[in-house]
Amino acid sequence: MDAHLQLSEYFKANPHLVGKVVGFDATTDRLYHFNFTASNTGLDGDTFGDTAKFSIWIDEQLQKNNCKYGIGGYMEHRTIYARSSHFDTADEPRRLHLGVDIWADAGTPVYAPLQGKIHSFNDNDNFGDYGPTIILEHELDGLKLYSLYGHLSRTSLNGLYPGMPVNMNEPLGTFGNIIENGHWPPHLHFQLMFDMEGKQGDYPGVCRYSEKEKYLLNIPDPQLILQFPEVVNQ
């Protein structure tokens, strides 16, 4: 069976084994959908190129829409990566976002949505990079799945070791601030992978647009776990 279909079927059959990533409550919390493509003319390079200005802009969007959390990004072709040479390559810049971003305040708790263990972790301390990152490994009825949590606080890495057991809904860390999280407005990059391709503490969260089909094979939609309601900006 195709891995994507197998994963979807597993979650359908075992909803009681799928927990939360953040403390979103659909009965009380509203979600704001962020658009970081070229079609968003309300966000210019001067704003997203300056971390402090970008953070203020993010906060303003959430506050004026009365939203505690923002969401978006899976397979989104974004302009904002022009802010960092980290995403530049000689032939084609990396602009296609592979995970889902959850935007909220620094210090927002992050939880393990599935039982598993620590695969690896690292502080990817470059401008525009993940900053502190944790990767979990999960065994789901014979299907191996990895989940990545980027832009965490540095204290989130304290006491971890490879193979360390992690339970569903166990606190995993917190959103980092702009100094420690790769110099981004506070948010969580959440991503799923079937194959880590030998990598430790890191896996691409942004790729060249020409590589989309390749990465789609390895990276399922995080919404399979998140199950966030449909977002309607008002």
C-alpha atoms as a PDB file:
ATOM      1  CA  MET A   1       0.000   0.000   0.000  1.00  0.00           C
ATOM      2  CA  ASP A   2       1.167   3.537  -0.754  1.00  0.00           C
ATOM      3  CA  ALA A   3       2.683   5.132   2.357  1.00  0.00           C
ATOM      4  CA  HIS A   4       0.435   8.199   2.139  1.00  0.00           C
ATOM      5  CA  LEU A   5      -2.687   6.049   1.933  1.00  0.00           C
ATOM      6  CA  GLN A   6      -1.432   3.764   4.712  1.00  0.00           C
ATOM      7  CA  LEU A   7      -0.870   6.775   6.962  1.00  0.00           C
ATOM      8  CA  SER A   8      -4.298   8.205   6.214  1.00  0.00           C
ATOM      9  CA  GLU A   9      -5.946   4.864   6.930  1.00  0.00           C
ATOM     10  CA  TYR A  10      -4.014   4.505  10.193  1.00  0.00           C
ATOM     11  CA  PHE A  11      -5.207   7.873  11.473  1.00  0.00           C
ATOM     12  CA  LYS A  12      -8.800   7.149  10.440  1.00  0.00           C
ATOM     13  CA  ALA A  13      -8.723   3.832  12.290  1.00  0.00           C
ATOM     14  CA  ASN A  14      -6.924   5.156  15.381  1.00  0.00           C
ATOM     15  CA  PRO A  15      -8.085   8.703  16.174  1.00  0.00           C
ATOM     16  CA  HIS A  16      -7.561   7.974  19.882  1.00  0.00           C
ATOM     17  CA  LEU A  17      -3.822   7.600  19.222  1.00  0.00           C
ATOM     18  CA  VAL A  18      -3.462  11.076  17.728  1.00  0.00           C
ATOM     19  CA  GLY A  19      -2.966  13.977  20.113  1.00  0.00           C
ATOM     20  CA  LYS A  20      -2.257  17.691  19.883  1.00  0.00           C
ATOM     21  CA  VAL A  21       0.711  19.698  18.609  1.00  0.00           C
ATOM     22  CA  VAL A  22      -0.324  22.955  20.287  1.00  0.00           C
ATOM     23  CA  GLY A  23      -3.096  23.803  22.727  1.00  0.00           C
ATOM     24  CA  PHE A  24      -5.565  24.891  20.049  1.00  0.00           C
ATOM     25  CA  ASP A  25      -9.204  24.572  21.139  1.00  0.00           C
ATOM     26  CA  ALA A  26     -11.628  24.629  18.222  1.00  0.00           C
ATOM     27  CA  THR A  27     -14.485  25.613  20.533  1.00  0.00           C
ATOM     28  CA  THR A  28     -12.827  28.848  21.678  1.00  0.00           C
ATOM     29  CA  ASP A  29      -9.858  29.659  19.410  1.00  0.00           C
ATOM     30  CA  ARG A  30      -9.941  31.187  15.943  1.00  0.00           C
ATOM     31  CA  LEU A  31      -7.302  30.558  13.290  1.00  0.00           C
ATOM     32  CA  TYR A  32      -5.850  33.106  10.920  1.00  0.00           C
ATOM     33  CA  HIS A  33      -4.567  31.887   7.571  1.00  0.00           C
ATOM     34  CA  PHE A  34      -1.320  33.559   6.549  1.00  0.00           C
ATOM     35  CA  ASN A  35      -0.521  33.947   2.867  1.00  0.00           C
ATOM     36  CA  PHE A  36       3.183  34.392   2.107  1.00  0.00           C
ATOM     37  CA  THR A  37       2.950  34.059  -1.667  1.00  0.00           C
ATOM     38  CA  ALA A  38       3.463  36.871  -4.171  1.00  0.00           C
ATOM     39  CA  SER A  39      -0.322  37.405  -4.216  1.00  0.00           C
ATOM     40  CA  ASN A  40      -0.148  39.002  -0.758  1.00  0.00           C
ATOM     41  CA  THR A  41       0.578  42.592  -1.717  1.00  0.00           C
ATOM     42  CA  GLY A  42       0.111  43.715   1.896  1.00  0.00           C
ATOM     43  CA  LEU A  43       3.472  42.235   2.890  1.00  0.00           C
ATOM     44  CA  ASP A  44       6.523  43.740   1.237  1.00  0.00           C
ATOM     45  CA  GLY A  45      10.215  42.910   1.305  1.00  0.00           C
ATOM     46  CA  ASP A  46      11.016  45.798   3.609  1.00  0.00           C
ATOM     47  CA  THR A  47       8.733  44.262   6.225  1.00  0.00           C
ATOM     48  CA  PHE A  48       9.601  40.569   5.983  1.00  0.00           C
ATOM     49  CA  GLY A  49      13.276  41.364   5.558  1.00  0.00           C
ATOM     50  CA  ASP A  50      13.421  42.946   9.022  1.00  0.00           C
ATOM     51  CA  THR A  51      12.710  40.454  11.800  1.00  0.00           C
ATOM     52  CA  ALA A  52      11.369  43.053  14.234  1.00  0.00           C
ATOM     53  CA  LYS A  53       9.053  44.586  11.614  1.00  0.00           C
ATOM     54  CA  PHE A  54       7.951  41.145  10.450  1.00  0.00           C
ATOM     55  CA  SER A  55       7.123  40.146  14.033  1.00  0.00           C
ATOM     56  CA  ILE A  56       5.048  43.292  14.538  1.00  0.00           C
ATOM     57  CA  TRP A  57       3.201  42.607  11.281  1.00  0.00           C
ATOM     58  CA  ILE A  58       2.415  39.021  12.334  1.00  0.00           C
ATOM     59  CA  ASP A  59       1.154  40.173  15.744  1.00  0.00           C
ATOM     60  CA  GLU A  60      -1.040  42.846  14.149  1.00  0.00           C
ATOM     61  CA  GLN A  61      -2.715  40.330  11.833  1.00  0.00           C
ATOM     62  CA  LEU A  62      -3.478  37.991  14.722  1.00  0.00           C
ATOM     63  CA  GLN A  63      -4.712  40.720  17.049  1.00  0.00           C
ATOM     64  CA  LYS A  64      -6.990  42.529  14.621  1.00  0.00           C
ATOM     65  CA  ASN A  65      -8.569  39.210  13.610  1.00  0.00           C
ATOM     66  CA  ASN A  66      -8.905  38.098  17.259  1.00  0.00           C
ATOM     67  CA  CYS A  67      -6.851  34.971  16.614  1.00  0.00           C
ATOM     68  CA  LYS A  68      -4.550  33.267  19.092  1.00  0.00           C
ATOM     69  CA  TYR A  69      -2.983  31.111  16.380  1.00  0.00           C
ATOM     70  CA  GLY A  70      -2.058  31.590  12.736  1.00  0.00           C
ATOM     71  CA  ILE A  71      -1.641  28.716  10.299  1.00  0.00           C
ATOM     72  CA  GLY A  72      -0.468  28.002   6.798  1.00  0.00           C
ATOM     73  CA  GLY A  73       2.280  26.970   4.496  1.00  0.00           C
ATOM     74  CA  TYR A  74       2.048  23.355   3.317  1.00  0.00           C
ATOM     75  CA  MET A  75       3.489  23.293  -0.219  1.00  0.00           C
ATOM     76  CA  GLU A  76       3.136  27.084  -0.417  1.00  0.00           C
ATOM     77  CA  HIS A  77       5.383  28.877  -2.917  1.00  0.00           C
ATOM     78  CA  ARG A  78       6.600  31.783  -0.766  1.00  0.00           C
ATOM     79  CA  THR A  79       8.324  35.090  -1.338  1.00  0.00           C
ATOM     80  CA  ILE A  80       9.537  35.560   2.254  1.00  0.00           C
ATOM     81  CA  TYR A  81      12.613  33.335   1.862  1.00  0.00           C
ATOM     82  CA  ALA A  82      14.268  36.112  -0.093  1.00  0.00           C
ATOM     83  CA  ARG A  83      15.066  37.509   3.373  1.00  0.00           C
ATOM     84  CA  SER A  84      17.931  35.054   3.890  1.00  0.00           C
ATOM     85  CA  SER A  85      20.816  33.776   1.760  1.00  0.00           C
ATOM     86  CA  HIS A  86      20.242  30.440   3.552  1.00  0.00           C
ATOM     87  CA  PHE A  87      17.654  29.674   0.849  1.00  0.00           C
ATOM     88  CA  ASP A  88      19.719  30.758  -2.146  1.00  0.00           C
ATOM     89  CA  THR A  89      21.279  28.263  -4.522  1.00  0.00           C
ATOM     90  CA  ALA A  90      23.202  28.827  -7.731  1.00  0.00           C
ATOM     91  CA  ASP A  91      20.598  27.509 -10.146  1.00  0.00           C
ATOM     92  CA  GLU A  92      17.233  28.024  -8.401  1.00  0.00           C
ATOM     93  CA  PRO A  93      16.382  29.549  -5.000  1.00  0.00           C
ATOM     94  CA  ARG A  94      14.471  27.505  -2.458  1.00  0.00           C
ATOM     95  CA  ARG A  95      10.993  28.979  -2.045  1.00  0.00           C
ATOM     96  CA  LEU A  96       8.549  26.033  -1.657  1.00  0.00           C
ATOM     97  CA  HIS A  97       7.552  25.491   1.966  1.00  0.00           C
ATOM     98  CA  LEU A  98       7.226  21.819   2.905  1.00  0.00           C
ATOM     99  CA  GLY A  99       5.637  21.888   6.347  1.00  0.00           C
ATOM    100  CA  VAL A 100       2.956  23.811   8.193  1.00  0.00           C
ATOM    101  CA  ASP A 101       3.713  26.890  10.265  1.00  0.00           C
ATOM    102  CA  ILE A 102       1.751  27.602  13.425  1.00  0.00           C
ATOM    103  CA  TRP A 103       2.154  31.230  14.512  1.00  0.00           C
ATOM    104  CA  ALA A 104       1.690  32.264  18.143  1.00  0.00           C
ATOM    105  CA  ASP A 105       3.570  33.906  21.012  1.00  0.00           C
ATOM    106  CA  ALA A 106       7.078  32.918  22.058  1.00  0.00           C
ATOM    107  CA  GLY A 107       6.790  30.428  24.905  1.00  0.00           C
ATOM    108  CA  THR A 108       3.713  28.717  23.440  1.00  0.00           C
ATOM    109  CA  PRO A 109       3.847  25.035  24.492  1.00  0.00           C
ATOM    110  CA  VAL A 110       4.471  22.313  21.902  1.00  0.00           C
ATOM    111  CA  TYR A 111       3.319  18.727  22.422  1.00  0.00           C
ATOM    112  CA  ALA A 112       4.132  15.360  20.880  1.00  0.00           C
ATOM    113  CA  PRO A 113       1.010  14.326  18.937  1.00  0.00           C
ATOM    114  CA  LEU A 114       2.040  10.677  18.648  1.00  0.00           C
ATOM    115  CA  GLN A 115       3.821   8.181  20.845  1.00  0.00           C
ATOM    116  CA  GLY A 116       7.399   7.687  19.759  1.00  0.00           C
ATOM    117  CA  LYS A 117      10.975   8.480  20.628  1.00  0.00           C
ATOM    118  CA  ILE A 118      13.570  11.169  20.062  1.00  0.00           C
ATOM    119  CA  HIS A 119      15.237  10.526  16.716  1.00  0.00           C
ATOM    120  CA  SER A 120      17.601  13.518  16.831  1.00  0.00           C
ATOM    121  CA  PHE A 121      17.849  17.201  17.705  1.00  0.00           C
ATOM    122  CA  ASN A 122      20.071  20.165  16.932  1.00  0.00           C
ATOM    123  CA  ASP A 123      20.342  23.919  17.214  1.00  0.00           C
ATOM    124  CA  ASN A 124      20.430  24.928  13.542  1.00  0.00           C
ATOM    125  CA  ASP A 125      21.692  28.382  14.409  1.00  0.00           C
ATOM    126  CA  ASN A 126      21.760  30.275  11.102  1.00  0.00           C
ATOM    127  CA  PHE A 127      19.797  33.342  10.006  1.00  0.00           C
ATOM    128  CA  GLY A 128      16.572  32.036   8.490  1.00  0.00           C
ATOM    129  CA  ASP A 129      17.182  28.446   9.634  1.00  0.00           C
ATOM    130  CA  TYR A 130      15.172  26.343  12.118  1.00  0.00           C
ATOM    131  CA  GLY A 131      17.110  27.277  15.230  1.00  0.00           C
ATOM    132  CA  PRO A 132      16.477  24.596  17.915  1.00  0.00           C
ATOM    133  CA  THR A 133      14.917  21.560  16.260  1.00  0.00           C
ATOM    134  CA  ILE A 134      13.546  18.244  17.534  1.00  0.00           C
ATOM    135  CA  ILE A 135      12.750  15.241  15.342  1.00  0.00           C
ATOM    136  CA  LEU A 136      10.635  12.354  16.641  1.00  0.00           C
ATOM    137  CA  GLU A 137      10.410   8.836  15.260  1.00  0.00           C
ATOM    138  CA  HIS A 138       7.109   6.924  15.313  1.00  0.00           C
ATOM    139  CA  GLU A 139       6.141   3.316  14.527  1.00  0.00           C
ATOM    140  CA  LEU A 140       2.536   3.123  13.301  1.00  0.00           C
ATOM    141  CA  ASP A 141       1.549  -0.487  12.653  1.00  0.00           C
ATOM    142  CA  GLY A 142       4.703  -1.132  10.654  1.00  0.00           C
ATOM    143  CA  LEU A 143       4.829   2.296   9.029  1.00  0.00           C
ATOM    144  CA  LYS A 144       7.717   4.500  10.128  1.00  0.00           C
ATOM    145  CA  LEU A 145       6.989   8.210  10.381  1.00  0.00           C
ATOM    146  CA  TYR A 146       9.112  11.143  11.512  1.00  0.00           C
ATOM    147  CA  SER A 147       7.839  14.464  12.821  1.00  0.00           C
ATOM    148  CA  LEU A 148       9.913  17.646  12.919  1.00  0.00           C
ATOM    149  CA  TYR A 149       9.501  20.646  15.242  1.00  0.00           C
ATOM    150  CA  GLY A 150      11.515  23.717  14.279  1.00  0.00           C
ATOM    151  CA  HIS A 151      12.002  27.245  15.691  1.00  0.00           C
ATOM    152  CA  LEU A 152      11.863  26.085  19.302  1.00  0.00           C
ATOM    153  CA  SER A 153      13.399  27.668  22.385  1.00  0.00           C
ATOM    154  CA  ARG A 154      16.895  26.528  23.305  1.00  0.00           C
ATOM    155  CA  THR A 155      15.637  25.176  26.630  1.00  0.00           C
ATOM    156  CA  SER A 156      13.491  22.731  24.620  1.00  0.00           C
ATOM    157  CA  LEU A 157      16.662  20.751  23.857  1.00  0.00           C
ATOM    158  CA  ASN A 158      17.697  20.343  27.490  1.00  0.00           C
ATOM    159  CA  GLY A 159      17.887  16.759  28.745  1.00  0.00           C
ATOM    160  CA  LEU A 160      17.141  15.100  25.414  1.00  0.00           C
ATOM    161  CA  TYR A 161      18.922  12.016  24.101  1.00  0.00           C
ATOM    162  CA  PRO A 162      18.408   9.835  21.009  1.00  0.00           C
ATOM    163  CA  GLY A 163      15.950   7.036  21.710  1.00  0.00           C
ATOM    164  CA  MET A 164      14.321   8.867  24.624  1.00  0.00           C
ATOM    165  CA  PRO A 165      10.655   7.726  24.838  1.00  0.00           C
ATOM    166  CA  VAL A 166       7.970  10.322  24.195  1.00  0.00           C
ATOM    167  CA  ASN A 167       4.292   9.846  24.951  1.00  0.00           C
ATOM    168  CA  MET A 168       1.309  11.269  23.100  1.00  0.00           C
ATOM    169  CA  ASN A 169       0.453  14.779  24.366  1.00  0.00           C
ATOM    170  CA  GLU A 170       3.681  14.972  26.354  1.00  0.00           C
ATOM    171  CA  PRO A 171       5.154  18.517  26.471  1.00  0.00           C
ATOM    172  CA  LEU A 172       7.991  18.661  23.952  1.00  0.00           C
ATOM    173  CA  GLY A 173       9.155  22.259  24.132  1.00  0.00           C
ATOM    174  CA  THR A 174       8.092  25.842  23.510  1.00  0.00           C
ATOM    175  CA  PHE A 175       8.149  28.348  20.655  1.00  0.00           C
ATOM    176  CA  GLY A 176      11.455  30.203  20.599  1.00  0.00           C
ATOM    177  CA  ASN A 177      11.907  33.957  20.514  1.00  0.00           C
ATOM    178  CA  ILE A 178      13.416  35.836  17.580  1.00  0.00           C
ATOM    179  CA  ILE A 179      16.944  35.701  19.024  1.00  0.00           C
ATOM    180  CA  GLU A 180      17.070  31.906  19.292  1.00  0.00           C
ATOM    181  CA  ASN A 181      14.627  30.567  16.691  1.00  0.00           C
ATOM    182  CA  GLY A 182      16.558  31.382  13.509  1.00  0.00           C
ATOM    183  CA  HIS A 183      15.493  35.054  13.624  1.00  0.00           C
ATOM    184  CA  TRP A 184      11.840  34.570  12.722  1.00  0.00           C
ATOM    185  CA  PRO A 185       8.647  35.872  14.288  1.00  0.00           C
ATOM    186  CA  PRO A 186       7.712  33.219  16.883  1.00  0.00           C
ATOM    187  CA  HIS A 187       6.152  30.176  15.288  1.00  0.00           C
ATOM    188  CA  LEU A 188       6.456  26.395  15.005  1.00  0.00           C
ATOM    189  CA  HIS A 189       7.475  24.668  11.797  1.00  0.00           C
ATOM    190  CA  PHE A 190       5.748  21.261  11.920  1.00  0.00           C
ATOM    191  CA  GLN A 191       6.571  18.706   9.251  1.00  0.00           C
ATOM    192  CA  LEU A 192       6.157  14.973   8.611  1.00  0.00           C
ATOM    193  CA  MET A 193       8.537  12.692   6.703  1.00  0.00           C
ATOM    194  CA  PHE A 194       8.582   9.002   5.846  1.00  0.00           C
ATOM    195  CA  ASP A 195      12.351   8.932   5.274  1.00  0.00           C
ATOM    196  CA  MET A 196      14.993  11.046   7.019  1.00  0.00           C
ATOM    197  CA  GLU A 197      17.484  10.214   4.261  1.00  0.00           C
ATOM    198  CA  GLY A 198      20.225   9.768   6.838  1.00  0.00           C
ATOM    199  CA  LYS A 199      19.894  13.279   8.253  1.00  0.00           C
ATOM    200  CA  GLN A 200      20.169  14.076  11.969  1.00  0.00           C
ATOM    201  CA  GLY A 201      18.573  17.047  13.725  1.00  0.00           C
ATOM    202  CA  ASP A 202      17.652  18.661  10.425  1.00  0.00           C
ATOM    203  CA  TYR A 203      15.656  18.032   7.258  1.00  0.00           C
ATOM    204  CA  PRO A 204      14.780  20.529   4.508  1.00  0.00           C
ATOM    205  CA  GLY A 205      11.691  22.574   5.283  1.00  0.00           C
ATOM    206  CA  VAL A 206      11.967  24.567   2.059  1.00  0.00           C
ATOM    207  CA  CYS A 207      12.936  23.255  -1.383  1.00  0.00           C
ATOM    208  CA  ARG A 208      13.263  24.389  -4.986  1.00  0.00           C
ATOM    209  CA  TYR A 209       9.908  24.526  -6.745  1.00  0.00           C
ATOM    210  CA  SER A 210      11.267  22.127  -9.365  1.00  0.00           C
ATOM    211  CA  GLU A 211      11.680  19.507  -6.600  1.00  0.00           C
ATOM    212  CA  LYS A 212       8.036  19.611  -5.503  1.00  0.00           C
ATOM    213  CA  GLU A 213       7.030  16.192  -6.833  1.00  0.00           C
ATOM    214  CA  LYS A 214      10.061  14.544  -5.250  1.00  0.00           C
ATOM    215  CA  TYR A 215       9.331  15.950  -1.814  1.00  0.00           C
ATOM    216  CA  LEU A 216       5.593  15.290  -2.047  1.00  0.00           C
ATOM    217  CA  LEU A 217       6.428  11.584  -2.090  1.00  0.00           C
ATOM    218  CA  ASN A 218       8.216  11.850   1.263  1.00  0.00           C
ATOM    219  CA  ILE A 219       6.266  14.575   3.058  1.00  0.00           C
ATOM    220  CA  PRO A 220       2.579  13.985   3.865  1.00  0.00           C
ATOM    221  CA  ASP A 221       0.196  16.799   4.741  1.00  0.00           C
ATOM    222  CA  PRO A 222       0.562  17.683   8.466  1.00  0.00           C
ATOM    223  CA  GLN A 223      -3.174  18.378   8.508  1.00  0.00           C
ATOM    224  CA  LEU A 224      -3.597  14.593   8.842  1.00  0.00           C
ATOM    225  CA  ILE A 225      -2.454  15.085  12.435  1.00  0.00           C
ATOM    226  CA  LEU A 226      -3.412  18.686  13.110  1.00  0.00           C
ATOM    227  CA  GLN A 227      -7.051  18.342  12.009  1.00  0.00           C
ATOM    228  CA  PHE A 228      -7.472  22.093  12.277  1.00  0.00           C
ATOM    229  CA  PRO A 229     -10.871  23.378  11.127  1.00  0.00           C
ATOM    230  CA  GLU A 230     -11.203  25.111   7.800  1.00  0.00           C
ATOM    231  CA  VAL A 231      -9.822  28.604   8.082  1.00  0.00           C
ATOM    232  CA  VAL A 232     -11.868  31.565   6.932  1.00  0.00           C
ATOM    233  CA  ASN A 233     -10.261  34.986   7.354  1.00  0.00           C
ATOM    234  CA  GLN A 234     -12.694  37.771   8.114  1.00  0.00           C
END
